[in-house]
Amino acid sequence: MIIICWLAGTLGIHRMMMGYSNWWLMLLTAGGCGIWTLIDLINIITGKMGMEDGRPLEG
């Protein structure tokens, strides 16, 4: 998920794959001009952001 967020984070693809329903906001705003993408990337790396249903990211 780190790689997907790094490469296509501004499109919100990582949020769509994780089950979040607000992924389209990132698509419309280009990831909040990159700021939301950077925040998501840091949260994924540190383990603070998991799947929408509460499961942790594994792998």
Protein backbone atom coordinates (compact mmCIF):
# COMPACT_ATOMS: atom_id res chain seq x y z
CA MET A 1 0.00 0.00 0.00
CA ILE A 2 2.98 2.28 0.56
CA ILE A 3 4.03 1.94 -3.08
CA ILE A 4 0.51 2.55 -4.35
CA CYS A 5 0.17 5.63 -2.15
CA TRP A 6 3.54 6.92 -3.34
CA LEU A 7 2.83 6.39 -7.05
CA ALA A 8 -0.92 7.10 -7.32
CA GLY A 9 -1.70 8.84 -4.05
CA THR A 10 -3.02 12.01 -5.61
CA LEU A 11 -5.69 9.94 -7.37
CA GLY A 12 -6.87 8.37 -4.11
CA ILE A 13 -6.38 4.82 -5.40
CA HIS A 14 -4.92 3.65 -2.08
CA ARG A 15 -7.99 4.87 -0.19
CA MET A 16 -10.32 3.15 -2.66
CA MET A 17 -8.41 -0.12 -2.24
CA MET A 18 -8.56 0.21 1.55
CA GLY A 19 -12.36 0.62 1.47
CA TYR A 20 -12.66 4.31 2.30
CA SER A 21 -15.67 6.01 0.72
CA ASN A 22 -14.05 9.46 0.46
CA TRP A 23 -11.39 8.47 -2.09
CA TRP A 24 -13.08 10.57 -4.77
CA LEU A 25 -12.30 13.77 -2.82
CA MET A 26 -8.61 13.07 -3.32
CA LEU A 27 -9.25 12.51 -7.01
CA LEU A 28 -11.01 15.88 -7.37
CA THR A 29 -8.44 17.87 -5.38
CA ALA A 30 -5.31 16.00 -6.54
CA GLY A 31 -4.74 14.65 -3.06
CA GLY A 32 -5.33 18.00 -1.42
CA CYS A 33 -2.51 19.37 -3.58
CA GLY A 34 -0.33 16.54 -2.27
CA ILE A 35 -0.79 17.31 1.42
CA TRP A 36 -3.41 14.59 2.12
CA THR A 37 -1.29 12.16 0.14
CA LEU A 38 1.76 12.93 2.27
CA ILE A 39 -0.26 12.59 5.48
CA ASP A 40 -1.72 9.27 4.31
CA LEU A 41 1.74 8.03 3.32
CA ILE A 42 3.15 8.85 6.76
CA ASN A 43 0.15 7.24 8.48
CA ILE A 44 0.48 4.06 6.40
CA ILE A 45 4.22 3.82 7.10
CA THR A 46 3.73 4.30 10.86
CA GLY A 47 0.77 1.89 10.99
CA LYS A 48 -1.80 4.48 12.08
CA MET A 49 -3.96 4.03 8.97
CA GLY A 50 -5.60 0.67 8.39
CA MET A 51 -8.47 -0.70 6.39
CA GLU A 52 -11.82 1.09 6.67
CA ASP A 53 -13.39 -1.80 8.60
CA GLY A 54 -10.70 -1.60 11.29
CA ARG A 55 -8.38 -4.36 10.10
CA PRO A 56 -4.69 -3.49 10.14
CA LEU A 57 -2.65 -3.49 6.95
CA GLU A 58 -0.52 -6.60 6.69
CA GLY A 59 2.38 -7.48 4.48
